[in-house]
Amino acid sequence: MPAKIQKLSIEPRIRFNCGRRIAFGPGKADLLAQIERTGSISEAAKVMDMSYMRAWTIVKSLDRGYVEPLVVKIRGGNARGGATLSETGRRVLGIYREMELSSRASFQENAVQLRQLLKP
């Protein structure tokens, strides 16, 4: 009985740097997407199994690194506050997601060639 051939998946992880610091990468993209989905930095952190302090630190670093803040924060109090992406934040996340899709598509031909060289 021949061995079952495993499906090959290629997952490019794009990071772009500004000097020595990572300006944006997969973790920051996922955090922004969760903030947009949940409407909360705290809830986004919970979904990602990340501390609120770590999420807040990432958001602050993103806000410092771009011409405009990527996250709009609404103060708490009785109304419970919240957060959402700014227009710039949506643009950065959208551009990043397009880069991921483009890179996956460009790897497909190479993936076929690589698959042929792997053991089943």
N, C-alpha and C. Protein backbone atom coordinates (compact mmCIF):
# COMPACT_ATOMS: atom_id res chain seq x y z
N MET A 1 0.85 -1.17 0.00
CA MET A 1 0.00 0.00 0.00
C MET A 1 0.90 1.24 0.00
N PRO A 2 0.73 2.12 -0.99
CA PRO A 2 1.58 3.31 -1.05
C PRO A 2 1.27 4.28 0.10
N ALA A 3 2.32 5.00 0.49
CA ALA A 3 2.16 5.98 1.56
C ALA A 3 1.25 7.12 1.10
N LYS A 4 0.49 7.61 2.03
CA LYS A 4 -0.42 8.72 1.74
C LYS A 4 0.40 10.00 1.54
N ILE A 5 0.11 10.72 0.48
CA ILE A 5 0.80 11.96 0.20
C ILE A 5 0.16 13.08 1.02
N GLN A 6 0.99 13.73 1.81
CA GLN A 6 0.53 14.85 2.64
C GLN A 6 0.35 16.10 1.79
N LYS A 7 -0.63 16.89 2.13
CA LYS A 7 -0.84 18.16 1.44
C LYS A 7 0.25 19.14 1.88
N LEU A 8 0.85 19.79 0.92
CA LEU A 8 1.89 20.77 1.20
C LEU A 8 1.25 22.15 1.34
N SER A 9 1.57 22.82 2.41
CA SER A 9 1.09 24.20 2.54
C SER A 9 2.28 25.11 2.76
N ILE A 10 2.25 26.24 2.11
CA ILE A 10 3.30 27.24 2.25
C ILE A 10 2.65 28.47 2.85
N GLU A 11 3.23 28.93 3.93
CA GLU A 11 2.68 30.09 4.62
C GLU A 11 3.74 31.16 4.76
N PRO A 12 3.84 32.03 3.78
CA PRO A 12 4.85 33.10 3.89
C PRO A 12 4.51 34.04 5.05
N ARG A 13 5.53 34.43 5.77
CA ARG A 13 5.36 35.35 6.90
C ARG A 13 6.09 36.63 6.54
N ILE A 14 5.36 37.63 6.17
CA ILE A 14 5.94 38.89 5.72
C ILE A 14 6.13 39.81 6.92
N ARG A 15 7.31 40.38 7.00
CA ARG A 15 7.61 41.40 8.00
C ARG A 15 8.29 42.54 7.28
N PHE A 16 7.88 43.73 7.57
CA PHE A 16 8.66 44.83 7.04
C PHE A 16 9.20 45.66 8.19
N ASN A 17 10.44 46.05 8.01
CA ASN A 17 11.20 46.71 9.07
C ASN A 17 11.45 48.16 8.73
N CYS A 18 11.57 48.93 9.77
CA CYS A 18 11.97 50.33 9.66
C CYS A 18 13.21 50.46 10.54
N GLY A 19 14.37 50.45 9.93
CA GLY A 19 15.59 50.39 10.71
C GLY A 19 15.69 49.01 11.34
N ARG A 20 15.92 48.97 12.64
CA ARG A 20 16.06 47.69 13.34
C ARG A 20 14.77 47.21 13.98
N ARG A 21 13.70 47.98 13.90
CA ARG A 21 12.46 47.54 14.53
C ARG A 21 11.49 47.03 13.46
N ILE A 22 10.69 46.06 13.87
CA ILE A 22 9.68 45.52 12.96
C ILE A 22 8.52 46.51 12.94
N ALA A 23 8.29 47.10 11.79
CA ALA A 23 7.21 48.07 11.65
C ALA A 23 5.86 47.38 11.53
N PHE A 24 5.86 46.19 10.96
CA PHE A 24 4.60 45.45 10.81
C PHE A 24 4.91 44.02 10.44
N GLY A 25 4.10 43.11 10.95
CA GLY A 25 4.27 41.70 10.66
C GLY A 25 3.00 40.95 10.97
N PRO A 26 3.05 39.63 10.94
CA PRO A 26 1.84 38.83 11.09
C PRO A 26 1.15 39.00 12.44
N GLY A 27 1.90 39.09 13.51
CA GLY A 27 1.28 39.26 14.83
C GLY A 27 0.57 40.58 14.98
N LYS A 28 1.19 41.64 14.49
CA LYS A 28 0.57 42.97 14.56
C LYS A 28 -0.67 43.02 13.66
N ALA A 29 -0.58 42.37 12.51
CA ALA A 29 -1.74 42.33 11.61
C ALA A 29 -2.90 41.59 12.28
N ASP A 30 -2.59 40.46 12.91
CA ASP A 30 -3.64 39.69 13.59
C ASP A 30 -4.25 40.49 14.74
N LEU A 31 -3.42 41.21 15.48
CA LEU A 31 -3.94 42.03 16.59
C LEU A 31 -4.87 43.12 16.05
N LEU A 32 -4.47 43.81 14.99
CA LEU A 32 -5.35 44.84 14.41
C LEU A 32 -6.67 44.23 13.93
N ALA A 33 -6.58 43.08 13.29
CA ALA A 33 -7.80 42.43 12.80
C ALA A 33 -8.73 42.08 13.96
N GLN A 34 -8.18 41.62 15.07
CA GLN A 34 -9.01 41.28 16.24
C GLN A 34 -9.59 42.52 16.90
N ILE A 35 -8.82 43.60 16.93
CA ILE A 35 -9.36 44.86 17.48
C ILE A 35 -10.54 45.31 16.64
N GLU A 36 -10.39 45.23 15.34
CA GLU A 36 -11.49 45.62 14.45
C GLU A 36 -12.70 44.72 14.65
N ARG A 37 -12.46 43.42 14.80
CA ARG A 37 -13.55 42.46 14.95
C ARG A 37 -14.25 42.59 16.30
N THR A 38 -13.49 42.78 17.38
CA THR A 38 -14.08 42.79 18.72
C THR A 38 -14.45 44.17 19.21
N GLY A 39 -13.84 45.22 18.65
CA GLY A 39 -14.11 46.58 19.12
C GLY A 39 -13.43 46.88 20.44
N SER A 40 -12.38 46.11 20.76
CA SER A 40 -11.74 46.27 22.07
C SER A 40 -10.31 45.73 22.04
N ILE A 41 -9.38 46.50 22.59
CA ILE A 41 -8.01 46.01 22.72
C ILE A 41 -7.98 44.84 23.71
N SER A 42 -8.70 44.98 24.80
CA SER A 42 -8.75 43.94 25.82
C SER A 42 -9.32 42.63 25.27
N GLU A 43 -10.42 42.71 24.56
CA GLU A 43 -11.03 41.51 23.99
C GLU A 43 -10.13 40.90 22.92
N ALA A 44 -9.50 41.75 22.11
CA ALA A 44 -8.57 41.25 21.09
C ALA A 44 -7.43 40.48 21.75
N ALA A 45 -6.90 41.02 22.84
CA ALA A 45 -5.82 40.35 23.57
C ALA A 45 -6.28 39.00 24.09
N LYS A 46 -7.49 38.93 24.65
CA LYS A 46 -8.01 37.66 25.17
C LYS A 46 -8.13 36.62 24.07
N VAL A 47 -8.67 37.03 22.92
CA VAL A 47 -8.84 36.11 21.80
C VAL A 47 -7.49 35.55 21.36
N MET A 48 -6.46 36.39 21.43
CA MET A 48 -5.14 35.99 20.98
C MET A 48 -4.29 35.36 22.09
N ASP A 49 -4.88 35.18 23.27
CA ASP A 49 -4.16 34.64 24.42
C ASP A 49 -2.91 35.47 24.71
N MET A 50 -3.11 36.77 24.75
CA MET A 50 -2.05 37.74 24.96
C MET A 50 -2.45 38.62 26.14
N SER A 51 -1.49 39.10 26.89
CA SER A 51 -1.84 39.99 27.99
C SER A 51 -2.31 41.33 27.44
N TYR A 52 -3.18 41.97 28.20
CA TYR A 52 -3.65 43.29 27.80
C TYR A 52 -2.47 44.25 27.68
N MET A 53 -1.52 44.16 28.62
CA MET A 53 -0.36 45.06 28.59
C MET A 53 0.46 44.87 27.32
N ARG A 54 0.63 43.63 26.89
CA ARG A 54 1.37 43.37 25.64
C ARG A 54 0.62 43.96 24.46
N ALA A 55 -0.68 43.76 24.39
CA ALA A 55 -1.48 44.31 23.29
C ALA A 55 -1.40 45.84 23.29
N TRP A 56 -1.53 46.44 24.47
CA TRP A 56 -1.48 47.90 24.58
C TRP A 56 -0.12 48.42 24.14
N THR A 57 0.96 47.73 24.51
CA THR A 57 2.31 48.12 24.11
C THR A 57 2.46 48.07 22.59
N ILE A 58 1.93 47.03 21.97
CA ILE A 58 2.00 46.91 20.52
C ILE A 58 1.22 48.04 19.85
N VAL A 59 0.02 48.31 20.36
CA VAL A 59 -0.80 49.39 19.79
C VAL A 59 -0.06 50.73 19.90
N LYS A 60 0.53 51.00 21.06
CA LYS A 60 1.27 52.26 21.23
C LYS A 60 2.46 52.33 20.28
N SER A 61 3.16 51.21 20.08
CA SER A 61 4.31 51.23 19.16
C SER A 61 3.84 51.46 17.72
N LEU A 62 2.71 50.88 17.37
CA LEU A 62 2.16 51.12 16.03
C LEU A 62 1.77 52.59 15.86
N ASP A 63 1.13 53.14 16.88
CA ASP A 63 0.72 54.54 16.80
C ASP A 63 1.92 55.47 16.64
N ARG A 64 3.04 55.14 17.28
CA ARG A 64 4.25 55.96 17.16
C ARG A 64 4.92 55.79 15.81
N GLY A 65 4.73 54.66 15.17
CA GLY A 65 5.48 54.35 13.96
C GLY A 65 4.85 54.80 12.65
N TYR A 66 3.64 55.29 12.70
CA TYR A 66 2.94 55.68 11.47
C TYR A 66 2.54 57.14 11.54
N VAL A 67 2.26 57.72 10.37
CA VAL A 67 1.92 59.14 10.32
C VAL A 67 0.66 59.47 11.10
N GLU A 68 -0.23 58.52 11.23
CA GLU A 68 -1.44 58.68 12.03
C GLU A 68 -1.62 57.42 12.86
N PRO A 69 -2.28 57.52 14.01
CA PRO A 69 -2.54 56.31 14.80
C PRO A 69 -3.34 55.29 14.00
N LEU A 70 -3.02 54.01 14.20
CA LEU A 70 -3.74 52.95 13.51
C LEU A 70 -4.98 52.51 14.27
N VAL A 71 -5.00 52.80 15.56
CA VAL A 71 -6.12 52.39 16.42
C VAL A 71 -6.73 53.64 17.06
N VAL A 72 -8.04 53.76 16.95
CA VAL A 72 -8.78 54.84 17.61
C VAL A 72 -9.30 54.26 18.93
N LYS A 73 -8.88 54.88 20.02
CA LYS A 73 -9.26 54.41 21.34
C LYS A 73 -10.36 55.30 21.91
N ILE A 74 -11.36 54.66 22.48
CA ILE A 74 -12.47 55.38 23.12
C ILE A 74 -12.37 55.10 24.61
N ARG A 75 -12.21 56.15 25.40
CA ARG A 75 -12.01 55.98 26.84
C ARG A 75 -13.18 55.26 27.49
N GLY A 76 -12.87 54.54 28.55
CA GLY A 76 -13.84 53.70 29.25
C GLY A 76 -14.83 54.46 30.09
N GLY A 77 -14.88 54.14 31.35
CA GLY A 77 -15.88 54.73 32.23
C GLY A 77 -17.16 53.93 32.15
N ASN A 78 -18.28 54.59 32.40
CA ASN A 78 -19.58 53.91 32.39
C ASN A 78 -19.93 53.34 31.02
N ALA A 79 -19.45 53.98 29.97
CA ALA A 79 -19.77 53.54 28.61
C ALA A 79 -18.88 52.37 28.15
N ARG A 80 -17.94 51.95 28.97
CA ARG A 80 -17.03 50.83 28.70
C ARG A 80 -16.01 51.07 27.60
N GLY A 81 -15.99 52.18 26.95
CA GLY A 81 -14.96 52.48 25.96
C GLY A 81 -14.91 51.49 24.83
N GLY A 82 -13.76 51.40 24.21
CA GLY A 82 -13.58 50.48 23.10
C GLY A 82 -12.47 50.94 22.19
N ALA A 83 -12.33 50.29 21.08
CA ALA A 83 -11.29 50.63 20.11
C ALA A 83 -11.72 50.14 18.74
N THR A 84 -11.24 50.82 17.74
CA THR A 84 -11.47 50.42 16.36
C THR A 84 -10.28 50.88 15.55
N LEU A 85 -10.19 50.44 14.31
CA LEU A 85 -9.09 50.88 13.47
C LEU A 85 -9.43 52.23 12.84
N SER A 86 -8.41 53.05 12.74
CA SER A 86 -8.56 54.31 12.01
C SER A 86 -8.55 53.96 10.52
N GLU A 87 -8.83 54.94 9.70
CA GLU A 87 -8.77 54.72 8.25
C GLU A 87 -7.37 54.27 7.85
N THR A 88 -6.36 54.90 8.45
CA THR A 88 -4.97 54.50 8.17
C THR A 88 -4.73 53.07 8.62
N GLY A 89 -5.25 52.70 9.78
CA GLY A 89 -5.12 51.33 10.27
C GLY A 89 -5.74 50.32 9.32
N ARG A 90 -6.92 50.65 8.80
CA ARG A 90 -7.58 49.76 7.84
C ARG A 90 -6.75 49.64 6.56
N ARG A 91 -6.17 50.76 6.13
CA ARG A 91 -5.34 50.74 4.91
C ARG A 91 -4.10 49.88 5.12
N VAL A 92 -3.41 50.08 6.25
CA VAL A 92 -2.20 49.30 6.53
C VAL A 92 -2.53 47.81 6.58
N LEU A 93 -3.59 47.44 7.30
CA LEU A 93 -3.98 46.04 7.40
C LEU A 93 -4.38 45.49 6.03
N GLY A 94 -5.13 46.26 5.26
CA GLY A 94 -5.54 45.82 3.93
C GLY A 94 -4.36 45.61 2.99
N ILE A 95 -3.41 46.53 3.01
CA ILE A 95 -2.22 46.39 2.17
C ILE A 95 -1.44 45.15 2.58
N TYR A 96 -1.31 44.95 3.88
CA TYR A 96 -0.57 43.79 4.38
C TYR A 96 -1.25 42.49 3.94
N ARG A 97 -2.57 42.41 4.09
CA ARG A 97 -3.30 41.20 3.69
C ARG A 97 -3.17 40.96 2.18
N GLU A 98 -3.18 42.02 1.38
CA GLU A 98 -2.97 41.87 -0.07
C GLU A 98 -1.58 41.33 -0.36
N MET A 99 -0.58 41.79 0.39
CA MET A 99 0.78 41.29 0.22
C MET A 99 0.84 39.79 0.53
N GLU A 100 0.14 39.37 1.59
CA GLU A 100 0.11 37.95 1.93
C GLU A 100 -0.51 37.12 0.80
N LEU A 101 -1.64 37.59 0.28
CA LEU A 101 -2.30 36.85 -0.81
C LEU A 101 -1.42 36.78 -2.05
N SER A 102 -0.81 37.89 -2.39
CA SER A 102 0.07 37.92 -3.57
C SER A 102 1.24 36.98 -3.41
N SER A 103 1.83 36.96 -2.23
CA SER A 103 2.99 36.10 -2.02
C SER A 103 2.59 34.64 -2.07
N ARG A 104 1.44 34.28 -1.52
CA ARG A 104 0.98 32.88 -1.60
C ARG A 104 0.78 32.47 -3.05
N ALA A 105 0.17 33.34 -3.83
CA ALA A 105 -0.08 33.02 -5.24
C ALA A 105 1.23 32.85 -5.99
N SER A 106 2.22 33.67 -5.68
CA SER A 106 3.47 33.58 -6.41
C SER A 106 4.27 32.33 -6.04
N PHE A 107 3.98 31.73 -4.90
CA PHE A 107 4.68 30.53 -4.47
C PHE A 107 4.08 29.24 -5.03
N GLN A 108 2.91 29.29 -5.63
CA GLN A 108 2.22 28.06 -6.02
C GLN A 108 3.02 27.19 -6.99
N GLU A 109 3.62 27.78 -8.00
CA GLU A 109 4.41 27.00 -8.96
C GLU A 109 5.60 26.35 -8.26
N ASN A 110 6.27 27.10 -7.40
CA ASN A 110 7.39 26.55 -6.65
C ASN A 110 6.94 25.44 -5.71
N ALA A 111 5.75 25.59 -5.15
CA ALA A 111 5.23 24.58 -4.23
C ALA A 111 5.03 23.25 -4.94
N VAL A 112 4.56 23.28 -6.17
CA VAL A 112 4.38 22.06 -6.94
C VAL A 112 5.73 21.38 -7.15
N GLN A 113 6.74 22.16 -7.52
CA GLN A 113 8.07 21.61 -7.73
C GLN A 113 8.64 21.04 -6.42
N LEU A 114 8.46 21.75 -5.34
CA LEU A 114 8.97 21.30 -4.05
C LEU A 114 8.26 20.02 -3.61
N ARG A 115 6.96 19.96 -3.81
CA ARG A 115 6.17 18.78 -3.42
C ARG A 115 6.70 17.52 -4.09
N GLN A 116 7.14 17.66 -5.35
CA GLN A 116 7.64 16.51 -6.10
C GLN A 116 8.94 15.97 -5.50
N LEU A 117 9.63 16.77 -4.73
CA LEU A 117 10.91 16.37 -4.15
C LEU A 117 10.78 15.83 -2.72
N LEU A 118 9.60 15.96 -2.14
CA LEU A 118 9.37 15.47 -0.79
C LEU A 118 8.95 14.01 -0.79
N LYS A 119 9.30 13.31 0.26
CA LYS A 119 8.80 11.94 0.42
C LYS A 119 7.31 11.99 0.69
N PRO A 120 6.58 10.97 0.24
CA PRO A 120 5.13 10.95 0.53
C PRO A 120 4.87 10.75 2.01
